[in-house]
């Protein structure tokens, strides 16, 4: 019974983003060291500019923690139903991460996702690498493994959201 509950929770975690993504976003705000940039989501083209923000919206299962810290930006997204998501992105090492279950869940950015974040961070000065959240916490590796195993067992890993 406990295993069924875990599979159900993982399924909900992975399927919920598709519904949120289909409704669109109000805006995405990216902040660097001393300045922010806000982009409205009204005409956002998800096919050309995929936007992921773990753990809420991911294009694949969680990846291992980044091996090194890197310059980073904070990301806040407002979805249509008053939902909010926060994550961080480190384009230099092609990682995006978000808080979950007492640690960080990380995902490596593919070429299109990296392009989206390079576009959103253009002209901003990143936060210093030595202040990157989640890098040293070490708790997301076990969480990533658990989520991958559960999602695999449920057969619901979403790709290309």
N, C-alpha and C. Protein backbone atom coordinates (compact mmCIF):
# COMPACT_ATOMS: atom_id res chain seq x y z
N UNK A 1 0.82 -1.19 0.00
CA UNK A 1 0.00 0.00 0.00
C UNK A 1 0.87 1.27 0.00
N UNK A 2 1.96 1.21 0.78
CA UNK A 2 2.85 2.38 0.84
C UNK A 2 3.49 2.64 -0.52
N UNK A 3 3.85 1.55 -1.22
CA UNK A 3 4.45 1.70 -2.55
C UNK A 3 3.45 2.33 -3.52
N UNK A 4 2.19 1.94 -3.44
CA UNK A 4 1.15 2.52 -4.29
C UNK A 4 1.01 4.01 -4.01
N UNK A 5 1.10 4.41 -2.75
CA UNK A 5 1.02 5.83 -2.39
C UNK A 5 2.19 6.61 -2.99
N UNK A 6 3.40 6.02 -2.94
CA UNK A 6 4.57 6.68 -3.53
C UNK A 6 4.42 6.82 -5.04
N UNK A 7 3.93 5.76 -5.69
CA UNK A 7 3.74 5.81 -7.14
C UNK A 7 2.70 6.86 -7.50
N UNK A 8 1.62 6.92 -6.74
CA UNK A 8 0.57 7.92 -6.98
C UNK A 8 1.12 9.33 -6.80
N UNK A 9 1.92 9.54 -5.76
CA UNK A 9 2.50 10.87 -5.52
C UNK A 9 3.45 11.27 -6.64
N UNK A 10 4.27 10.35 -7.09
CA UNK A 10 5.20 10.65 -8.19
C UNK A 10 4.45 10.94 -9.48
N UNK A 11 3.39 10.17 -9.72
CA UNK A 11 2.58 10.39 -10.92
C UNK A 11 1.97 11.78 -10.88
N UNK A 12 1.41 12.17 -9.74
CA UNK A 12 0.82 13.51 -9.62
C UNK A 12 1.87 14.59 -9.82
N UNK A 13 3.05 14.38 -9.27
CA UNK A 13 4.14 15.36 -9.41
C UNK A 13 4.54 15.54 -10.86
N UNK A 14 4.55 14.45 -11.63
CA UNK A 14 4.99 14.51 -13.01
C UNK A 14 3.88 14.91 -13.98
N UNK A 15 2.64 14.61 -13.67
CA UNK A 15 1.53 14.93 -14.57
C UNK A 15 1.02 16.35 -14.34
N UNK A 16 1.06 16.86 -13.14
CA UNK A 16 0.56 18.21 -12.85
C UNK A 16 1.17 19.29 -13.74
N UNK A 17 2.49 19.23 -14.05
CA UNK A 17 3.06 20.27 -14.89
C UNK A 17 2.43 20.39 -16.26
N UNK A 18 2.00 19.26 -16.85
CA UNK A 18 1.41 19.32 -18.18
C UNK A 18 0.16 20.19 -18.15
N UNK A 19 -0.66 20.06 -17.11
CA UNK A 19 -1.87 20.88 -17.00
C UNK A 19 -1.50 22.34 -16.78
N UNK A 20 -0.51 22.59 -15.94
CA UNK A 20 -0.09 23.97 -15.68
C UNK A 20 0.49 24.58 -16.94
N UNK A 21 1.28 23.81 -17.67
CA UNK A 21 1.91 24.31 -18.89
C UNK A 21 0.86 24.62 -19.94
N UNK A 22 -0.16 23.78 -20.04
CA UNK A 22 -1.20 23.99 -21.04
C UNK A 22 -1.96 25.29 -20.78
N UNK A 23 -2.07 25.68 -19.54
CA UNK A 23 -2.77 26.93 -19.18
C UNK A 23 -1.88 28.14 -19.43
N UNK A 24 -0.57 27.93 -19.55
CA UNK A 24 0.35 29.03 -19.80
C UNK A 24 0.83 29.68 -18.51
N UNK A 25 1.59 30.72 -18.72
CA UNK A 25 2.12 31.45 -17.57
C UNK A 25 1.80 32.93 -17.72
N UNK A 26 1.74 33.60 -16.59
CA UNK A 26 1.54 35.06 -16.60
C UNK A 26 2.85 35.76 -16.91
N UNK A 27 3.91 35.34 -16.21
CA UNK A 27 5.21 35.96 -16.39
C UNK A 27 6.30 35.08 -15.83
N UNK A 28 7.52 35.37 -16.26
CA UNK A 28 8.71 34.74 -15.68
C UNK A 28 9.66 35.88 -15.34
N UNK A 29 10.20 35.83 -14.13
CA UNK A 29 11.11 36.86 -13.64
C UNK A 29 12.44 36.21 -13.30
N UNK A 30 13.50 36.74 -13.89
CA UNK A 30 14.84 36.21 -13.66
C UNK A 30 15.66 37.31 -13.00
N UNK A 31 16.32 36.96 -11.89
CA UNK A 31 17.11 37.94 -11.15
C UNK A 31 18.56 37.50 -11.04
N UNK A 32 19.43 38.46 -11.26
CA UNK A 32 20.86 38.25 -11.08
C UNK A 32 21.29 38.92 -9.79
N UNK A 33 22.53 39.35 -9.76
CA UNK A 33 23.12 39.94 -8.57
C UNK A 33 22.44 41.23 -8.14
N UNK A 34 22.16 42.12 -9.07
CA UNK A 34 21.65 43.43 -8.68
C UNK A 34 20.45 43.91 -9.49
N UNK A 35 19.92 43.06 -10.34
CA UNK A 35 18.85 43.50 -11.21
C UNK A 35 18.02 42.31 -11.67
N UNK A 36 16.75 42.58 -12.03
CA UNK A 36 15.85 41.53 -12.50
C UNK A 36 15.30 41.90 -13.87
N UNK A 37 14.82 40.89 -14.56
CA UNK A 37 14.17 41.08 -15.85
C UNK A 37 12.88 40.26 -15.82
N UNK A 38 11.80 40.86 -16.27
CA UNK A 38 10.50 40.19 -16.25
C UNK A 38 9.99 40.08 -17.68
N UNK A 39 9.57 38.87 -18.06
CA UNK A 39 9.05 38.62 -19.39
C UNK A 39 7.61 38.13 -19.26
N UNK A 40 6.69 38.75 -19.96
CA UNK A 40 5.29 38.35 -19.91
C UNK A 40 5.10 37.05 -20.69
N UNK A 41 4.19 36.23 -20.21
CA UNK A 41 3.98 34.92 -20.82
C UNK A 41 2.85 34.86 -21.81
N UNK A 42 2.18 35.98 -22.03
CA UNK A 42 1.00 36.01 -22.88
C UNK A 42 1.23 35.33 -24.24
N UNK A 43 2.32 35.65 -24.88
CA UNK A 43 2.61 35.09 -26.20
C UNK A 43 3.81 34.15 -26.19
N UNK A 44 4.09 33.56 -25.04
CA UNK A 44 5.26 32.69 -24.92
C UNK A 44 5.07 31.45 -25.79
N UNK A 45 6.07 31.09 -26.57
CA UNK A 45 6.05 29.93 -27.44
C UNK A 45 6.84 28.81 -26.78
N UNK A 46 6.13 27.87 -26.12
CA UNK A 46 6.80 26.79 -25.39
C UNK A 46 7.56 25.85 -26.31
N UNK A 47 7.11 25.70 -27.55
CA UNK A 47 7.80 24.81 -28.48
C UNK A 47 9.19 25.36 -28.82
N UNK A 48 9.28 26.65 -29.03
CA UNK A 48 10.56 27.28 -29.37
C UNK A 48 11.40 27.61 -28.14
N UNK A 49 10.75 27.92 -27.03
CA UNK A 49 11.45 28.34 -25.81
C UNK A 49 10.94 27.54 -24.61
N UNK A 50 11.31 26.25 -24.54
CA UNK A 50 10.84 25.44 -23.41
C UNK A 50 11.36 26.01 -22.09
N UNK A 51 10.49 26.03 -21.12
CA UNK A 51 10.82 26.60 -19.82
C UNK A 51 10.55 25.55 -18.76
N UNK A 52 11.59 25.16 -18.03
CA UNK A 52 11.43 24.19 -16.96
C UNK A 52 11.84 24.83 -15.65
N UNK A 53 11.17 24.41 -14.58
CA UNK A 53 11.50 24.91 -13.26
C UNK A 53 11.20 23.81 -12.25
N UNK A 54 12.23 22.98 -11.97
CA UNK A 54 12.07 21.86 -11.05
C UNK A 54 11.62 22.30 -9.67
N UNK A 55 10.89 21.47 -8.95
CA UNK A 55 10.39 20.18 -9.38
C UNK A 55 9.02 20.27 -10.06
N UNK A 56 8.47 21.47 -10.21
CA UNK A 56 7.11 21.62 -10.73
C UNK A 56 6.98 21.24 -12.20
N UNK A 57 7.86 21.72 -13.04
CA UNK A 57 7.82 21.39 -14.47
C UNK A 57 9.21 20.95 -14.89
N UNK A 58 9.29 19.69 -15.35
CA UNK A 58 10.57 19.14 -15.79
C UNK A 58 10.37 18.44 -17.13
N UNK A 59 11.40 18.44 -17.96
CA UNK A 59 11.30 17.77 -19.25
C UNK A 59 11.78 16.33 -19.18
N UNK A 60 12.32 15.93 -18.04
CA UNK A 60 12.84 14.59 -17.85
C UNK A 60 12.90 14.34 -16.35
N UNK A 61 13.37 13.17 -15.95
CA UNK A 61 13.52 12.89 -14.54
C UNK A 61 14.65 13.70 -13.95
N UNK A 62 14.76 13.75 -12.64
CA UNK A 62 15.83 14.50 -11.99
C UNK A 62 17.20 13.93 -12.34
N UNK A 63 18.20 14.81 -12.38
CA UNK A 63 19.58 14.41 -12.61
C UNK A 63 20.36 14.50 -11.30
N UNK A 64 21.60 14.03 -11.33
CA UNK A 64 22.47 14.14 -10.16
C UNK A 64 22.78 15.61 -9.89
N UNK A 65 23.22 15.89 -8.68
CA UNK A 65 23.62 17.25 -8.31
C UNK A 65 24.74 17.73 -9.23
N UNK A 66 24.82 19.03 -9.47
CA UNK A 66 25.97 19.55 -10.21
C UNK A 66 27.26 19.22 -9.46
N UNK A 67 28.31 18.96 -10.19
CA UNK A 67 29.59 18.63 -9.56
C UNK A 67 30.28 19.86 -8.99
N UNK A 68 30.00 21.03 -9.58
CA UNK A 68 30.62 22.27 -9.12
C UNK A 68 29.57 23.37 -9.06
N UNK A 69 29.83 24.34 -8.21
CA UNK A 69 28.96 25.52 -8.16
C UNK A 69 29.31 26.40 -9.35
N UNK A 70 28.36 27.25 -9.76
CA UNK A 70 28.58 28.13 -10.90
C UNK A 70 27.79 29.41 -10.69
N UNK A 71 28.11 30.45 -11.45
CA UNK A 71 27.29 31.66 -11.39
C UNK A 71 25.83 31.28 -11.68
N UNK A 72 24.89 31.93 -11.00
CA UNK A 72 23.50 31.50 -11.08
C UNK A 72 22.53 32.67 -11.02
N UNK A 73 21.29 32.40 -11.40
CA UNK A 73 20.19 33.38 -11.37
C UNK A 73 19.00 32.75 -10.67
N UNK A 74 18.21 33.56 -9.99
CA UNK A 74 16.95 33.06 -9.43
C UNK A 74 15.86 33.23 -10.48
N UNK A 75 14.91 32.31 -10.47
CA UNK A 75 13.82 32.32 -11.45
C UNK A 75 12.50 32.19 -10.69
N UNK A 76 11.56 33.06 -11.00
CA UNK A 76 10.21 32.97 -10.45
C UNK A 76 9.24 32.97 -11.62
N UNK A 77 8.26 32.08 -11.56
CA UNK A 77 7.27 31.96 -12.62
C UNK A 77 5.88 32.05 -11.99
N UNK A 78 5.01 32.84 -12.61
CA UNK A 78 3.61 32.93 -12.17
C UNK A 78 2.76 32.23 -13.22
N UNK A 79 2.03 31.21 -12.78
CA UNK A 79 1.11 30.50 -13.66
C UNK A 79 -0.29 31.08 -13.51
N UNK A 80 -1.16 30.75 -14.42
CA UNK A 80 -2.49 31.38 -14.47
C UNK A 80 -3.35 31.16 -13.24
N UNK A 81 -3.26 30.06 -12.59
CA UNK A 81 -4.14 29.79 -11.44
C UNK A 81 -3.50 30.18 -10.12
N UNK A 82 -2.87 31.32 -10.09
CA UNK A 82 -2.22 31.86 -8.89
C UNK A 82 -1.14 30.94 -8.33
N UNK A 83 -0.66 30.02 -9.15
CA UNK A 83 0.44 29.17 -8.74
C UNK A 83 1.74 29.91 -9.00
N UNK A 84 2.72 29.64 -8.17
CA UNK A 84 4.04 30.23 -8.34
C UNK A 84 5.07 29.11 -8.28
N UNK A 85 6.15 29.28 -8.99
CA UNK A 85 7.25 28.33 -8.93
C UNK A 85 8.55 29.11 -8.84
N UNK A 86 9.48 28.61 -8.07
CA UNK A 86 10.80 29.24 -7.91
C UNK A 86 11.86 28.19 -8.20
N UNK A 87 12.89 28.63 -8.86
CA UNK A 87 14.02 27.75 -9.11
C UNK A 87 15.27 28.61 -9.29
N UNK A 88 16.38 27.96 -9.53
CA UNK A 88 17.60 28.67 -9.88
C UNK A 88 18.14 28.05 -11.16
N UNK A 89 18.87 28.84 -11.93
CA UNK A 89 19.47 28.34 -13.14
C UNK A 89 20.94 28.76 -13.17
N UNK A 90 21.78 27.82 -13.58
CA UNK A 90 23.21 28.07 -13.73
C UNK A 90 23.57 27.70 -15.18
N UNK A 91 23.35 28.63 -16.13
CA UNK A 91 23.58 28.32 -17.54
C UNK A 91 24.99 27.85 -17.86
N UNK A 92 25.98 28.36 -17.15
CA UNK A 92 27.37 28.00 -17.42
C UNK A 92 27.61 26.49 -17.31
N UNK A 93 26.92 25.83 -16.38
CA UNK A 93 27.06 24.38 -16.23
C UNK A 93 25.82 23.64 -16.71
N UNK A 94 24.87 24.37 -17.31
CA UNK A 94 23.66 23.80 -17.93
C UNK A 94 22.79 23.05 -16.92
N UNK A 95 22.54 23.67 -15.77
CA UNK A 95 21.69 23.07 -14.74
C UNK A 95 20.60 24.05 -14.30
N UNK A 96 19.46 23.48 -13.94
CA UNK A 96 18.39 24.23 -13.30
C UNK A 96 17.94 23.39 -12.10
N UNK A 97 17.61 24.05 -11.00
CA UNK A 97 17.24 23.31 -9.81
C UNK A 97 16.17 24.03 -9.01
N UNK A 98 15.43 23.25 -8.24
CA UNK A 98 14.39 23.81 -7.38
C UNK A 98 14.31 23.06 -6.07
N UNK A 99 13.82 23.76 -5.05
CA UNK A 99 13.68 23.16 -3.72
C UNK A 99 12.58 22.12 -3.71
N UNK A 100 12.90 21.02 -3.04
CA UNK A 100 11.89 19.97 -2.86
C UNK A 100 12.35 19.05 -1.73
N UNK A 101 11.46 18.78 -0.83
CA UNK A 101 11.67 17.76 0.19
C UNK A 101 12.95 17.97 1.01
N UNK A 102 13.25 19.21 1.36
CA UNK A 102 14.40 19.51 2.19
C UNK A 102 15.72 19.64 1.46
N UNK A 103 15.71 19.59 0.15
CA UNK A 103 16.93 19.72 -0.64
C UNK A 103 16.61 20.36 -1.98
N UNK A 104 17.43 20.07 -2.96
CA UNK A 104 17.22 20.58 -4.32
C UNK A 104 17.08 19.42 -5.29
N UNK A 105 16.20 19.58 -6.26
CA UNK A 105 16.06 18.65 -7.37
C UNK A 105 16.68 19.34 -8.57
N UNK A 106 17.57 18.65 -9.28
CA UNK A 106 18.32 19.25 -10.39
C UNK A 106 17.98 18.59 -11.71
N UNK A 107 18.04 19.37 -12.77
CA UNK A 107 17.90 18.82 -14.11
C UNK A 107 18.91 19.51 -15.02
N UNK A 108 19.55 18.71 -15.86
CA UNK A 108 20.46 19.26 -16.86
C UNK A 108 19.62 19.86 -17.98
N UNK A 109 20.07 21.00 -18.48
CA UNK A 109 19.36 21.68 -19.57
C UNK A 109 19.79 21.13 -20.92
N UNK A 110 18.80 20.86 -21.77
CA UNK A 110 19.17 20.48 -23.14
C UNK A 110 19.43 21.77 -23.93
N UNK A 111 19.78 21.65 -25.20
CA UNK A 111 20.17 22.81 -26.00
C UNK A 111 19.07 23.87 -26.07
N UNK A 112 17.83 23.45 -26.30
CA UNK A 112 16.73 24.42 -26.40
C UNK A 112 16.44 25.09 -25.06
N UNK A 113 16.44 24.31 -23.99
CA UNK A 113 16.19 24.87 -22.66
C UNK A 113 17.30 25.85 -22.27
N UNK A 114 18.54 25.49 -22.58
CA UNK A 114 19.66 26.39 -22.31
C UNK A 114 19.48 27.69 -23.09
N UNK A 115 19.07 27.59 -24.35
CA UNK A 115 18.82 28.78 -25.16
C UNK A 115 17.77 29.68 -24.55
N UNK A 116 16.72 29.08 -23.99
CA UNK A 116 15.67 29.85 -23.32
C UNK A 116 16.25 30.65 -22.17
N UNK A 117 17.04 29.99 -21.32
CA UNK A 117 17.60 30.67 -20.16
C UNK A 117 18.68 31.68 -20.55
N UNK A 118 19.43 31.42 -21.61
CA UNK A 118 20.40 32.42 -22.07
C UNK A 118 19.66 33.68 -22.55
N UNK A 119 18.53 33.49 -23.21
CA UNK A 119 17.70 34.61 -23.65
C UNK A 119 17.17 35.39 -22.43
N UNK A 120 16.65 34.67 -21.44
CA UNK A 120 16.05 35.32 -20.27
C UNK A 120 17.07 36.02 -19.38
N UNK A 121 18.32 35.55 -19.38
CA UNK A 121 19.34 36.13 -18.50
C UNK A 121 20.21 37.17 -19.21
N UNK A 122 19.95 37.39 -20.49
CA UNK A 122 20.79 38.32 -21.26
C UNK A 122 20.84 39.70 -20.59
N UNK A 123 22.05 40.21 -20.40
CA UNK A 123 22.25 41.53 -19.82
C UNK A 123 22.26 41.57 -18.30
N UNK A 124 21.97 40.44 -17.66
CA UNK A 124 21.98 40.39 -16.19
C UNK A 124 23.34 39.89 -15.70
N UNK A 125 23.77 40.41 -14.56
CA UNK A 125 24.99 39.93 -13.92
C UNK A 125 24.60 38.80 -12.98
N UNK A 126 25.20 37.60 -13.13
CA UNK A 126 24.80 36.48 -12.28
C UNK A 126 25.27 36.65 -10.84
N UNK A 127 24.63 35.90 -9.95
CA UNK A 127 25.08 35.81 -8.56
C UNK A 127 26.38 35.00 -8.55
N UNK A 128 27.26 35.27 -7.60
CA UNK A 128 28.54 34.55 -7.54
C UNK A 128 28.35 33.05 -7.30
N UNK A 129 29.24 32.26 -7.89
CA UNK A 129 29.18 30.80 -7.76
C UNK A 129 29.21 30.34 -6.31
N UNK A 130 29.99 31.03 -5.46
CA UNK A 130 30.12 30.58 -4.08
C UNK A 130 28.86 30.81 -3.25
N UNK A 131 27.84 31.44 -3.85
CA UNK A 131 26.57 31.62 -3.14
C UNK A 131 25.46 30.74 -3.73
N UNK A 132 25.81 29.84 -4.64
CA UNK A 132 24.82 28.99 -5.31
C UNK A 132 24.12 28.09 -4.31
N UNK A 133 22.79 28.21 -4.18
CA UNK A 133 22.05 27.36 -3.24
C UNK A 133 22.00 25.91 -3.70
N UNK A 134 21.90 25.03 -2.73
CA UNK A 134 21.66 23.63 -3.03
C UNK A 134 22.86 22.81 -3.44
N UNK A 135 23.92 23.44 -3.89
CA UNK A 135 25.06 22.70 -4.41
C UNK A 135 25.70 21.81 -3.34
N UNK A 136 25.81 22.31 -2.13
CA UNK A 136 26.51 21.55 -1.10
C UNK A 136 25.57 20.78 -0.18
N UNK A 137 24.26 20.89 -0.43
CA UNK A 137 23.33 20.25 0.50
C UNK A 137 23.34 18.73 0.38
N UNK A 138 23.61 18.22 -0.82
CA UNK A 138 23.79 16.79 -1.01
C UNK A 138 22.56 15.94 -0.82
N UNK A 139 21.40 16.51 -0.60
CA UNK A 139 20.23 15.69 -0.34
C UNK A 139 19.44 15.35 -1.59
N UNK A 140 19.70 16.03 -2.69
CA UNK A 140 18.87 15.77 -3.86
C UNK A 140 19.27 14.50 -4.60
N UNK A 141 20.49 14.00 -4.40
CA UNK A 141 20.89 12.78 -5.08
C UNK A 141 19.98 11.62 -4.71
N UNK A 142 19.73 11.44 -3.41
CA UNK A 142 18.84 10.37 -2.98
C UNK A 142 17.41 10.63 -3.44
N UNK A 143 16.99 11.90 -3.36
CA UNK A 143 15.64 12.24 -3.82
C UNK A 143 15.51 11.98 -5.31
N UNK A 144 16.51 12.36 -6.10
CA UNK A 144 16.48 12.14 -7.54
C UNK A 144 16.36 10.65 -7.84
N UNK A 145 17.14 9.83 -7.14
CA UNK A 145 17.09 8.40 -7.35
C UNK A 145 15.70 7.85 -7.02
N UNK A 146 15.11 8.29 -5.91
CA UNK A 146 13.79 7.85 -5.51
C UNK A 146 12.74 8.25 -6.53
N UNK A 147 12.78 9.52 -6.98
CA UNK A 147 11.81 9.98 -7.97
C UNK A 147 11.95 9.23 -9.29
N UNK A 148 13.19 8.99 -9.74
CA UNK A 148 13.41 8.25 -10.99
C UNK A 148 12.85 6.84 -10.87
N UNK A 149 13.16 6.17 -9.78
CA UNK A 149 12.71 4.79 -9.60
C UNK A 149 11.19 4.72 -9.55
N UNK A 150 10.58 5.65 -8.81
CA UNK A 150 9.12 5.65 -8.68
C UNK A 150 8.45 5.98 -10.00
N UNK A 151 8.96 6.99 -10.70
CA UNK A 151 8.38 7.36 -11.99
C UNK A 151 8.56 6.25 -13.00
N UNK A 152 9.71 5.59 -12.98
CA UNK A 152 9.96 4.48 -13.89
C UNK A 152 9.00 3.34 -13.62
N UNK A 153 8.79 3.05 -12.34
CA UNK A 153 7.86 1.99 -11.98
C UNK A 153 6.44 2.31 -12.42
N UNK A 154 6.09 3.59 -12.37
CA UNK A 154 4.76 4.01 -12.77
C UNK A 154 4.66 4.20 -14.29
N UNK A 155 5.83 4.26 -14.96
CA UNK A 155 5.84 4.42 -16.41
C UNK A 155 5.35 5.78 -16.88
N UNK A 156 5.68 6.84 -16.13
CA UNK A 156 5.14 8.17 -16.47
C UNK A 156 6.18 9.25 -16.57
N UNK A 157 7.37 8.97 -17.05
CA UNK A 157 8.36 10.03 -17.21
C UNK A 157 7.96 10.87 -18.42
N UNK A 158 7.74 12.15 -18.20
CA UNK A 158 7.32 13.04 -19.27
C UNK A 158 8.54 13.60 -19.97
N UNK A 159 8.48 13.71 -21.26
CA UNK A 159 9.56 14.28 -22.04
C UNK A 159 8.98 15.40 -22.90
N UNK A 160 9.76 16.47 -23.04
CA UNK A 160 9.38 17.56 -23.94
C UNK A 160 8.22 18.38 -23.47
N UNK A 161 7.99 18.47 -22.15
CA UNK A 161 6.90 19.31 -21.65
C UNK A 161 7.21 20.75 -21.93
